[in-house]
Amino acid sequence: MILIIGSEEETHSKYVYDALVSRGYEAEYFDSRQYPDNISLGFMPNSKEGFIKINEKTIPIEVIKGVYWRWFYGFNEAKVEDSYTAKMVLRERISALNSLFMSLECNLVNSFKAIELHKTKIYQLDIMAKNGIRVPKTFVTNDADALVEFWENNNRNVIFKPVLGGAYTKKLTESDLTKDNLKKLKISPVQLQECIDGVDIRVYAMGDKIFPAEIQAKTVDFRADNNPKHLPVKLPQDIENNCKKVLNILNLAYSGIDIRKSNEGEYVFIEANPAPMFIYFEEVTKYPVTESLIELLVK
């Protein structure tokens, strides 16, 4: 049994589900929106005894061979009379489910710990840098003066993006530094990075397999380009080794690693996504991403 954290309506979840079933494997969706109304569980620490019941189908924990973590929808609010009880019930739900995910012993692609680590992307960069991997100069701030100083100290060649993610990366320009915009820092911090002039490289690192492609786009963030070109490339051996190192130090079974190759030929690691989209990438590059993903899940 392969458990898929996601739902039938989420494209990659369904794609992996269908790929598994077509190859004769049993799979089941775990949609957190159904917990606890249509999902129940029971488990003990330091034991493989336990179960997850999804729509009255009981899955013993010991038969779960792998978990594909694609999309977690969060937790439903408890429908109780007062707000204090609602907070306590929600806390209990979160603790129970998180404890289960953290204690699963199977092929985790990826683990709960790896997913949570990615929510602190700056710390992820810190880990990579401390392990000898080149990352961009990065600064997180909600201080207007400090933001302008970082921009000036980096030759006014800086990009900005959310600390957690969820929006496109943009180039910071003087027109962004209005009083009204800078006041918004009092509401929310921003992530700044030195701009690495060059090209994007997306790498799917899957165990010992490395699938890299150069992404040629007309926008600062290649995701904003409706028609970027993906060209399979060969990475230098030390960069391939660094991709494998990233998996190891971030507790990843596989990852979509974003790298920026500078015009001078330097490879700068931007981030390592633990639940990346890959269908389009596989289609245009012909890399066997799906097959490699399934191998990780059922090995």
C-alpha atoms as a PDB file:
ATOM      1  CA  MET A   1       0.000   0.000   0.000  1.00  0.00           C
ATOM      2  CA  ILE A   2       1.228   3.455  -0.982  1.00  0.00           C
ATOM      3  CA  LEU A   3      -0.347   6.371   0.873  1.00  0.00           C
ATOM      4  CA  ILE A   4      -0.661   9.577  -1.159  1.00  0.00           C
ATOM      5  CA  ILE A   5      -0.906  12.816   0.805  1.00  0.00           C
ATOM      6  CA  GLY A   6      -3.187  14.734  -1.517  1.00  0.00           C
ATOM      7  CA  SER A   7      -6.447  14.127  -3.341  1.00  0.00           C
ATOM      8  CA  GLU A   8      -7.912  13.030  -6.641  1.00  0.00           C
ATOM      9  CA  GLU A   9      -8.486  16.658  -7.600  1.00  0.00           C
ATOM     10  CA  GLU A  10      -4.791  17.561  -7.204  1.00  0.00           C
ATOM     11  CA  THR A  11      -3.082  16.864 -10.535  1.00  0.00           C
ATOM     12  CA  HIS A  12       0.188  15.320  -9.371  1.00  0.00           C
ATOM     13  CA  SER A  13      -1.465  13.265  -6.634  1.00  0.00           C
ATOM     14  CA  LYS A  14      -3.826  11.707  -9.166  1.00  0.00           C
ATOM     15  CA  TYR A  15      -1.020  11.239 -11.689  1.00  0.00           C
ATOM     16  CA  VAL A  16       1.076   9.264  -9.211  1.00  0.00           C
ATOM     17  CA  TYR A  17      -1.981   7.332  -8.006  1.00  0.00           C
ATOM     18  CA  ASP A  18      -2.851   6.310 -11.560  1.00  0.00           C
ATOM     19  CA  ALA A  19       0.779   5.433 -12.322  1.00  0.00           C
ATOM     20  CA  LEU A  20       0.937   3.162  -9.261  1.00  0.00           C
ATOM     21  CA  VAL A  21      -2.385   1.434  -9.931  1.00  0.00           C
ATOM     22  CA  SER A  22      -1.545   0.884 -13.601  1.00  0.00           C
ATOM     23  CA  ARG A  23       1.590  -0.964 -12.469  1.00  0.00           C
ATOM     24  CA  GLY A  24      -0.346  -3.193 -10.110  1.00  0.00           C
ATOM     25  CA  TYR A  25       0.320  -1.398  -6.820  1.00  0.00           C
ATOM     26  CA  GLU A  26      -2.338  -0.544  -4.265  1.00  0.00           C
ATOM     27  CA  ALA A  27      -2.674   3.144  -3.392  1.00  0.00           C
ATOM     28  CA  GLU A  28      -4.944   5.336  -1.301  1.00  0.00           C
ATOM     29  CA  TYR A  29      -5.364   9.097  -0.938  1.00  0.00           C
ATOM     30  CA  PHE A  30      -4.958  10.765   2.453  1.00  0.00           C
ATOM     31  CA  ASP A  31      -6.883  14.022   2.153  1.00  0.00           C
ATOM     32  CA  SER A  32      -6.425  15.960   5.406  1.00  0.00           C
ATOM     33  CA  ARG A  33      -9.714  17.772   4.821  1.00  0.00           C
ATOM     34  CA  GLN A  34     -11.409  14.451   5.579  1.00  0.00           C
ATOM     35  CA  TYR A  35      -9.737  14.167   8.991  1.00  0.00           C
ATOM     36  CA  PRO A  36     -11.243  13.439  11.461  1.00  0.00           C
ATOM     37  CA  ASP A  37     -14.764  13.230   9.985  1.00  0.00           C
ATOM     38  CA  ASN A  38     -14.020  10.500   7.440  1.00  0.00           C
ATOM     39  CA  ILE A  39     -10.530   9.510   8.552  1.00  0.00           C
ATOM     40  CA  SER A  40      -9.735   7.899  11.879  1.00  0.00           C
ATOM     41  CA  LEU A  41      -6.529   6.488  13.231  1.00  0.00           C
ATOM     42  CA  GLY A  42      -5.018   4.527  16.062  1.00  0.00           C
ATOM     43  CA  PHE A  43      -1.339   3.907  16.765  1.00  0.00           C
ATOM     44  CA  MET A  44       1.170   3.290  19.530  1.00  0.00           C
ATOM     45  CA  PRO A  45       4.700   4.731  19.900  1.00  0.00           C
ATOM     46  CA  ASN A  46       7.618   2.376  19.289  1.00  0.00           C
ATOM     47  CA  SER A  47       5.348  -0.052  17.459  1.00  0.00           C
ATOM     48  CA  LYS A  48       4.189  -0.772  13.923  1.00  0.00           C
ATOM     49  CA  GLU A  49       0.798  -1.729  15.306  1.00  0.00           C
ATOM     50  CA  GLY A  50      -1.953   0.671  14.372  1.00  0.00           C
ATOM     51  CA  PHE A  51      -4.281   1.663  11.597  1.00  0.00           C
ATOM     52  CA  ILE A  52      -5.550   4.465   9.409  1.00  0.00           C
ATOM     53  CA  LYS A  53      -9.213   4.169   8.455  1.00  0.00           C
ATOM     54  CA  ILE A  54     -10.198   6.138   5.340  1.00  0.00           C
ATOM     55  CA  ASN A  55     -13.889   6.133   4.442  1.00  0.00           C
ATOM     56  CA  GLU A  56     -14.373   2.909   6.410  1.00  0.00           C
ATOM     57  CA  LYS A  57     -11.413   1.217   4.696  1.00  0.00           C
ATOM     58  CA  THR A  58      -8.959   0.093   7.370  1.00  0.00           C
ATOM     59  CA  ILE A  59      -5.273   0.211   6.433  1.00  0.00           C
ATOM     60  CA  PRO A  60      -2.910  -1.419   8.948  1.00  0.00           C
ATOM     61  CA  ILE A  61       0.148   0.763   9.412  1.00  0.00           C
ATOM     62  CA  GLU A  62       2.417  -2.244   8.871  1.00  0.00           C
ATOM     63  CA  VAL A  63       1.218  -2.647   5.236  1.00  0.00           C
ATOM     64  CA  ILE A  64       2.033   0.964   4.269  1.00  0.00           C
ATOM     65  CA  LYS A  65       5.128   0.508   2.126  1.00  0.00           C
ATOM     66  CA  GLY A  66       5.553   4.118   1.046  1.00  0.00           C
ATOM     67  CA  VAL A  67       4.169   7.632   1.410  1.00  0.00           C
ATOM     68  CA  TYR A  68       4.130  10.142  -1.430  1.00  0.00           C
ATOM     69  CA  TRP A  69       3.722  13.615   0.090  1.00  0.00           C
ATOM     70  CA  ARG A  70       2.378  15.930  -2.552  1.00  0.00           C
ATOM     71  CA  TRP A  71      -0.251  18.249  -1.056  1.00  0.00           C
ATOM     72  CA  PHE A  72      -1.404  18.733   2.515  1.00  0.00           C
ATOM     73  CA  TYR A  73      -4.583  20.769   2.810  1.00  0.00           C
ATOM     74  CA  GLY A  74      -4.249  21.609   6.486  1.00  0.00           C
ATOM     75  CA  PHE A  75      -6.660  20.934   9.330  1.00  0.00           C
ATOM     76  CA  ASN A  76     -10.361  21.609   9.674  1.00  0.00           C
ATOM     77  CA  GLU A  77     -11.549  23.745  12.542  1.00  0.00           C
ATOM     78  CA  ALA A  78     -13.395  21.878  15.252  1.00  0.00           C
ATOM     79  CA  LYS A  79     -17.144  22.517  15.320  1.00  0.00           C
ATOM     80  CA  VAL A  80     -17.651  23.131  19.001  1.00  0.00           C
ATOM     81  CA  GLU A  81     -19.473  25.749  21.027  1.00  0.00           C
ATOM     82  CA  ASP A  82     -16.669  28.033  22.228  1.00  0.00           C
ATOM     83  CA  SER A  83     -13.412  29.284  20.720  1.00  0.00           C
ATOM     84  CA  TYR A  84     -11.211  28.028  23.559  1.00  0.00           C
ATOM     85  CA  THR A  85     -12.404  24.444  23.176  1.00  0.00           C
ATOM     86  CA  ALA A  86     -12.053  24.757  19.402  1.00  0.00           C
ATOM     87  CA  LYS A  87      -8.394  25.741  19.812  1.00  0.00           C
ATOM     88  CA  MET A  88      -7.741  22.847  22.201  1.00  0.00           C
ATOM     89  CA  VAL A  89      -9.425  20.301  19.917  1.00  0.00           C
ATOM     90  CA  LEU A  90      -7.513  21.575  16.885  1.00  0.00           C
ATOM     91  CA  ARG A  91      -4.270  21.361  18.850  1.00  0.00           C
ATOM     92  CA  GLU A  92      -5.006  17.745  19.751  1.00  0.00           C
ATOM     93  CA  ARG A  93      -5.841  16.830  16.157  1.00  0.00           C
ATOM     94  CA  ILE A  94      -2.630  18.397  14.886  1.00  0.00           C
ATOM     95  CA  SER A  95      -0.462  16.719  17.521  1.00  0.00           C
ATOM     96  CA  ALA A  96      -1.937  13.270  16.914  1.00  0.00           C
ATOM     97  CA  LEU A  97      -1.641  13.396  13.129  1.00  0.00           C
ATOM     98  CA  ASN A  98       1.803  14.981  13.094  1.00  0.00           C
ATOM     99  CA  SER A  99       3.034  12.351  15.567  1.00  0.00           C
ATOM    100  CA  LEU A 100       1.765   9.611  13.276  1.00  0.00           C
ATOM    101  CA  PHE A 101       3.436  11.088  10.197  1.00  0.00           C
ATOM    102  CA  MET A 102       6.724  11.570  12.032  1.00  0.00           C
ATOM    103  CA  SER A 103       6.773   8.000  13.328  1.00  0.00           C
ATOM    104  CA  LEU A 104       5.977   6.183  10.069  1.00  0.00           C
ATOM    105  CA  GLU A 105       8.758   3.793   9.086  1.00  0.00           C
ATOM    106  CA  CYS A 106       8.485   3.186   5.351  1.00  0.00           C
ATOM    107  CA  ASN A 107       9.630   4.744   2.075  1.00  0.00           C
ATOM    108  CA  LEU A 108       8.891   8.417   2.755  1.00  0.00           C
ATOM    109  CA  VAL A 109       8.886  10.547  -0.376  1.00  0.00           C
ATOM    110  CA  ASN A 110       9.218  12.826   1.423  1.00  0.00           C
ATOM    111  CA  SER A 111       9.115  12.673   5.205  1.00  0.00           C
ATOM    112  CA  PHE A 112       7.078  14.982   7.411  1.00  0.00           C
ATOM    113  CA  LYS A 113      10.334  16.341   8.838  1.00  0.00           C
ATOM    114  CA  ALA A 114      11.603  17.248   5.351  1.00  0.00           C
ATOM    115  CA  ILE A 115       8.307  18.927   4.491  1.00  0.00           C
ATOM    116  CA  GLU A 116       8.390  20.970   7.684  1.00  0.00           C
ATOM    117  CA  LEU A 117      12.027  21.965   7.117  1.00  0.00           C
ATOM    118  CA  HIS A 118      11.089  23.450   3.755  1.00  0.00           C
ATOM    119  CA  LYS A 119       8.738  25.844   5.535  1.00  0.00           C
ATOM    120  CA  THR A 120      11.864  27.485   6.929  1.00  0.00           C
ATOM    121  CA  LYS A 121      13.635  28.082   3.627  1.00  0.00           C
ATOM    122  CA  ILE A 122      16.190  30.440   5.101  1.00  0.00           C
ATOM    123  CA  TYR A 123      17.274  27.767   7.570  1.00  0.00           C
ATOM    124  CA  GLN A 124      17.452  25.349   4.630  1.00  0.00           C
ATOM    125  CA  LEU A 125      19.910  27.736   2.968  1.00  0.00           C
ATOM    126  CA  ASP A 126      21.834  27.968   6.227  1.00  0.00           C
ATOM    127  CA  ILE A 127      22.244  24.179   6.327  1.00  0.00           C
ATOM    128  CA  MET A 128      23.432  24.059   2.731  1.00  0.00           C
ATOM    129  CA  ALA A 129      25.933  26.887   3.248  1.00  0.00           C
ATOM    130  CA  LYS A 130      27.355  25.241   6.372  1.00  0.00           C
ATOM    131  CA  ASN A 131      27.913  22.108   4.294  1.00  0.00           C
ATOM    132  CA  GLY A 132      29.989  23.898   1.674  1.00  0.00           C
ATOM    133  CA  ILE A 133      27.279  24.520  -0.907  1.00  0.00           C
ATOM    134  CA  ARG A 134      27.206  27.933  -2.564  1.00  0.00           C
ATOM    135  CA  VAL A 135      23.946  29.752  -1.906  1.00  0.00           C
ATOM    136  CA  PRO A 136      23.029  33.362  -2.710  1.00  0.00           C
ATOM    137  CA  LYS A 137      23.562  36.203  -0.270  1.00  0.00           C
ATOM    138  CA  THR A 138      20.199  36.315   1.427  1.00  0.00           C
ATOM    139  CA  PHE A 139      18.629  38.804   3.793  1.00  0.00           C
ATOM    140  CA  VAL A 140      15.243  38.663   5.537  1.00  0.00           C
ATOM    141  CA  THR A 141      14.000  41.881   7.065  1.00  0.00           C
ATOM    142  CA  ASN A 142      11.042  44.015   7.979  1.00  0.00           C
ATOM    143  CA  ASP A 143      13.231  47.096   8.423  1.00  0.00           C
ATOM    144  CA  ALA A 144      13.053  49.654   5.614  1.00  0.00           C
ATOM    145  CA  ASP A 145      16.522  51.143   6.177  1.00  0.00           C
ATOM    146  CA  ALA A 146      18.132  47.700   6.299  1.00  0.00           C
ATOM    147  CA  LEU A 147      16.390  46.709   3.064  1.00  0.00           C
ATOM    148  CA  VAL A 148      17.707  49.753   1.222  1.00  0.00           C
ATOM    149  CA  GLU A 149      21.190  49.184   2.648  1.00  0.00           C
ATOM    150  CA  PHE A 150      21.242  45.573   1.387  1.00  0.00           C
ATOM    151  CA  TRP A 151      20.100  46.767  -2.040  1.00  0.00           C
ATOM    152  CA  GLU A 152      22.859  49.398  -2.154  1.00  0.00           C
ATOM    153  CA  ASN A 153      25.551  46.995  -0.893  1.00  0.00           C
ATOM    154  CA  ASN A 154      24.708  44.555  -3.669  1.00  0.00           C
ATOM    155  CA  ASN A 155      25.064  47.053  -6.504  1.00  0.00           C
ATOM    156  CA  ARG A 156      21.290  47.511  -6.651  1.00  0.00           C
ATOM    157  CA  ASN A 157      21.110  44.090  -8.279  1.00  0.00           C
ATOM    158  CA  VAL A 158      18.707  42.337  -5.933  1.00  0.00           C
ATOM    159  CA  ILE A 159      15.608  40.165  -6.190  1.00  0.00           C
ATOM    160  CA  PHE A 160      12.800  39.884  -3.647  1.00  0.00           C
ATOM    161  CA  LYS A 161      10.297  37.150  -2.846  1.00  0.00           C
ATOM    162  CA  PRO A 162       8.208  35.822   0.055  1.00  0.00           C
ATOM    163  CA  VAL A 163      10.038  34.256   2.986  1.00  0.00           C
ATOM    164  CA  LEU A 164       7.938  31.088   2.743  1.00  0.00           C
ATOM    165  CA  GLY A 165       7.123  31.157  -0.962  1.00  0.00           C
ATOM    166  CA  GLY A 166       3.897  31.227  -2.920  1.00  0.00           C
ATOM    167  CA  ALA A 167       4.567  34.205  -5.200  1.00  0.00           C
ATOM    168  CA  TYR A 168       6.880  34.974  -8.105  1.00  0.00           C
ATOM    169  CA  THR A 169      10.390  36.296  -7.626  1.00  0.00           C
ATOM    170  CA  LYS A 170      10.847  39.877  -8.859  1.00  0.00           C
ATOM    171  CA  LYS A 171      13.737  42.270  -9.414  1.00  0.00           C
ATOM    172  CA  LEU A 172      13.916  45.052  -6.837  1.00  0.00           C
ATOM    173  CA  THR A 173      13.929  48.452  -8.491  1.00  0.00           C
ATOM    174  CA  GLU A 174      13.946  52.009  -7.236  1.00  0.00           C
ATOM    175  CA  SER A 175      10.261  52.286  -8.081  1.00  0.00           C
ATOM    176  CA  ASP A 176       9.571  49.608  -5.443  1.00  0.00           C
ATOM    177  CA  LEU A 177      11.149  51.720  -2.707  1.00  0.00           C
ATOM    178  CA  THR A 178       8.296  54.131  -2.196  1.00  0.00           C
ATOM    179  CA  LYS A 179       7.269  55.160   1.321  1.00  0.00           C
ATOM    180  CA  ASP A 180       3.995  53.289   0.976  1.00  0.00           C
ATOM    181  CA  ASN A 181       5.743  50.077  -0.080  1.00  0.00           C
ATOM    182  CA  LEU A 182       8.358  50.314   2.650  1.00  0.00           C
ATOM    183  CA  LYS A 183       5.625  50.834   5.253  1.00  0.00           C
ATOM    184  CA  LYS A 184       4.292  47.392   4.340  1.00  0.00           C
ATOM    185  CA  LEU A 185       7.389  45.891   5.962  1.00  0.00           C
ATOM    186  CA  LYS A 186       5.772  46.684   9.296  1.00  0.00           C
ATOM    187  CA  ILE A 187       3.084  44.163   8.344  1.00  0.00           C
ATOM    188  CA  SER A 188       5.243  41.418   6.873  1.00  0.00           C
ATOM    189  CA  PRO A 189       8.949  40.706   6.301  1.00  0.00           C
ATOM    190  CA  VAL A 190      10.463  40.090   2.878  1.00  0.00           C
ATOM    191  CA  GLN A 191      13.280  37.924   1.574  1.00  0.00           C
ATOM    192  CA  LEU A 192      16.014  39.617  -0.470  1.00  0.00           C
ATOM    193  CA  GLN A 193      18.779  37.909  -2.444  1.00  0.00           C
ATOM    194  CA  GLU A 194      21.644  38.953  -4.615  1.00  0.00           C
ATOM    195  CA  CYS A 195      20.584  38.615  -8.246  1.00  0.00           C
ATOM    196  CA  ILE A 196      22.613  35.927 -10.013  1.00  0.00           C
ATOM    197  CA  ASP A 197      22.694  36.970 -13.665  1.00  0.00           C
ATOM    198  CA  GLY A 198      22.598  33.799 -15.741  1.00  0.00           C
ATOM    199  CA  VAL A 199      20.210  30.890 -16.370  1.00  0.00           C
ATOM    200  CA  ASP A 200      18.022  28.662 -14.219  1.00  0.00           C
ATOM    201  CA  ILE A 201      18.672  24.957 -13.833  1.00  0.00           C
ATOM    202  CA  ARG A 202      16.077  22.624 -12.340  1.00  0.00           C
ATOM    203  CA  VAL A 203      17.424  19.310 -11.081  1.00  0.00           C
ATOM    204  CA  TYR A 204      15.321  16.333 -10.068  1.00  0.00           C
ATOM    205  CA  ALA A 205      17.558  14.470  -7.648  1.00  0.00           C
ATOM    206  CA  MET A 206      16.120  11.050  -6.846  1.00  0.00           C
ATOM    207  CA  GLY A 207      18.373   8.848  -4.759  1.00  0.00           C
ATOM    208  CA  ASP A 208      21.462   8.364  -6.918  1.00  0.00           C
ATOM    209  CA  LYS A 209      19.737   9.666 -10.060  1.00  0.00           C
ATOM    210  CA  ILE A 210      20.235  13.236 -11.239  1.00  0.00           C
ATOM    211  CA  PHE A 211      17.983  14.713 -13.946  1.00  0.00           C
ATOM    212  CA  PRO A 212      19.076  18.304 -14.772  1.00  0.00           C
ATOM    213  CA  ALA A 213      17.706  20.728 -17.344  1.00  0.00           C
ATOM    214  CA  GLU A 214      18.496  24.329 -18.198  1.00  0.00           C
ATOM    215  CA  ILE A 215      15.391  26.496 -18.235  1.00  0.00           C
ATOM    216  CA  GLN A 216      15.475  29.338 -20.695  1.00  0.00           C
ATOM    217  CA  ALA A 217      12.852  31.940 -19.804  1.00  0.00           C
ATOM    218  CA  LYS A 218      12.116  35.553 -20.640  1.00  0.00           C
ATOM    219  CA  THR A 219      11.159  36.415 -17.064  1.00  0.00           C
ATOM    220  CA  VAL A 220      13.095  36.775 -13.806  1.00  0.00           C
ATOM    221  CA  ASP A 221      11.092  33.871 -12.383  1.00  0.00           C
ATOM    222  CA  PHE A 222      10.800  31.135 -15.015  1.00  0.00           C
ATOM    223  CA  ARG A 223       7.398  30.148 -13.601  1.00  0.00           C
ATOM    224  CA  ALA A 224       6.020  33.450 -14.900  1.00  0.00           C
ATOM    225  CA  ASP A 225       7.002  32.565 -18.479  1.00  0.00           C
ATOM    226  CA  ASN A 226       4.184  30.774 -20.318  1.00  0.00           C
ATOM    227  CA  ASN A 227       6.589  29.037 -22.675  1.00  0.00           C
ATOM    228  CA  PRO A 228      10.026  28.419 -21.128  1.00  0.00           C
ATOM    229  CA  LYS A 229      12.419  26.032 -22.849  1.00  0.00           C
ATOM    230  CA  HIS A 230      13.745  23.017 -20.924  1.00  0.00           C
ATOM    231  CA  LEU A 231      17.030  21.696 -22.279  1.00  0.00           C
ATOM    232  CA  PRO A 232      18.599  18.596 -20.675  1.00  0.00           C
ATOM    233  CA  VAL A 233      22.189  19.342 -19.653  1.00  0.00           C
ATOM    234  CA  LYS A 234      25.155  17.603 -18.067  1.00  0.00           C
ATOM    235  CA  LEU A 235      26.274  18.992 -14.728  1.00  0.00           C
ATOM    236  CA  PRO A 236      29.884  19.026 -13.525  1.00  0.00           C
ATOM    237  CA  GLN A 237      30.584  16.107 -11.212  1.00  0.00           C
ATOM    238  CA  ASP A 238      31.032  18.311  -8.143  1.00  0.00           C
ATOM    239  CA  ILE A 239      27.619  19.910  -8.721  1.00  0.00           C
ATOM    240  CA  GLU A 240      26.003  16.483  -9.118  1.00  0.00           C
ATOM    241  CA  ASN A 241      27.676  15.508  -5.856  1.00  0.00           C
ATOM    242  CA  ASN A 242      26.277  18.627  -4.210  1.00  0.00           C
ATOM    243  CA  CYS A 243      22.776  17.705  -5.397  1.00  0.00           C
ATOM    244  CA  LYS A 244      23.141  14.322  -3.717  1.00  0.00           C
ATOM    245  CA  LYS A 245      24.559  16.042  -0.641  1.00  0.00           C
ATOM    246  CA  VAL A 246      21.460  18.256  -0.499  1.00  0.00           C
ATOM    247  CA  LEU A 247      19.263  15.155  -0.315  1.00  0.00           C
ATOM    248  CA  ASN A 248      21.359  13.819   2.536  1.00  0.00           C
ATOM    249  CA  ILE A 249      21.638  16.951   4.684  1.00  0.00           C
ATOM    250  CA  LEU A 250      17.962  17.895   4.239  1.00  0.00           C
ATOM    251  CA  ASN A 251      16.646  14.349   4.808  1.00  0.00           C
ATOM    252  CA  LEU A 252      15.141  14.146   1.321  1.00  0.00           C
ATOM    253  CA  ALA A 253      14.431  11.025  -0.719  1.00  0.00           C
ATOM    254  CA  TYR A 254      14.036  13.219  -3.778  1.00  0.00           C
ATOM    255  CA  SER A 255      13.787  16.893  -4.587  1.00  0.00           C
ATOM    256  CA  GLY A 256      13.290  19.490  -7.253  1.00  0.00           C
ATOM    257  CA  ILE A 257      16.448  21.529  -6.719  1.00  0.00           C
ATOM    258  CA  ASP A 258      16.654  25.036  -8.159  1.00  0.00           C
ATOM    259  CA  ILE A 259      20.103  26.242  -9.184  1.00  0.00           C
ATOM    260  CA  ARG A 260      21.193  29.440 -10.851  1.00  0.00           C
ATOM    261  CA  LYS A 261      24.195  29.172 -13.191  1.00  0.00           C
ATOM    262  CA  SER A 262      25.873  32.566 -13.400  1.00  0.00           C
ATOM    263  CA  ASN A 263      27.223  34.082 -16.604  1.00  0.00           C
ATOM    264  CA  GLU A 264      30.678  33.265 -15.208  1.00  0.00           C
ATOM    265  CA  GLY A 265      29.796  29.586 -14.842  1.00  0.00           C
ATOM    266  CA  GLU A 266      29.262  29.471 -11.072  1.00  0.00           C
ATOM    267  CA  TYR A 267      26.465  27.222  -9.782  1.00  0.00           C
ATOM    268  CA  VAL A 268      24.418  28.775  -6.960  1.00  0.00           C
ATOM    269  CA  PHE A 269      21.840  26.651  -5.109  1.00  0.00           C
ATOM    270  CA  ILE A 270      18.570  28.490  -4.523  1.00  0.00           C
ATOM    271  CA  GLU A 271      16.331  25.938  -2.801  1.00  0.00           C
ATOM    272  CA  ALA A 272      15.326  22.271  -2.598  1.00  0.00           C
ATOM    273  CA  ASN A 273      11.605  21.580  -2.959  1.00  0.00           C
ATOM    274  CA  PRO A 274      10.418  18.376  -1.227  1.00  0.00           C
ATOM    275  CA  ALA A 275       7.150  18.080  -3.192  1.00  0.00           C
ATOM    276  CA  PRO A 276       7.814  19.547  -6.639  1.00  0.00           C
ATOM    277  CA  MET A 277       5.609  19.403  -9.709  1.00  0.00           C
ATOM    278  CA  PHE A 278       7.245  17.308 -12.408  1.00  0.00           C
ATOM    279  CA  ILE A 279       4.729  16.232 -15.083  1.00  0.00           C
ATOM    280  CA  TYR A 280       5.550  18.999 -17.576  1.00  0.00           C
ATOM    281  CA  PHE A 281       9.282  18.721 -16.875  1.00  0.00           C
ATOM    282  CA  GLU A 282       9.192  14.989 -17.605  1.00  0.00           C
ATOM    283  CA  GLU A 283       7.141  15.500 -20.752  1.00  0.00           C
ATOM    284  CA  VAL A 284       9.542  17.985 -22.346  1.00  0.00           C
ATOM    285  CA  THR A 285      12.844  16.485 -21.159  1.00  0.00           C
ATOM    286  CA  LYS A 286      11.905  12.780 -21.473  1.00  0.00           C
ATOM    287  CA  TYR A 287      13.636  12.067 -18.175  1.00  0.00           C
ATOM    288  CA  PRO A 288      12.082   9.014 -16.406  1.00  0.00           C
ATOM    289  CA  VAL A 289      10.942  10.970 -13.355  1.00  0.00           C
ATOM    290  CA  THR A 290       7.724   9.002 -12.771  1.00  0.00           C
ATOM    291  CA  GLU A 291       9.434   5.623 -12.972  1.00  0.00           C
ATOM    292  CA  SER A 292      12.192   6.773 -10.627  1.00  0.00           C
ATOM    293  CA  LEU A 293       9.634   8.171  -8.165  1.00  0.00           C
ATOM    294  CA  ILE A 294       7.731   4.894  -8.099  1.00  0.00           C
ATOM    295  CA  GLU A 295      10.987   2.995  -7.538  1.00  0.00           C
ATOM    296  CA  LEU A 296      11.601   5.107  -4.427  1.00  0.00           C
ATOM    297  CA  LEU A 297       8.091   4.430  -3.131  1.00  0.00           C
ATOM    298  CA  VAL A 298       7.977   0.658  -3.619  1.00  0.00           C
ATOM    299  CA  LYS A 299      11.625  -0.381  -3.165  1.00  0.00           C
END
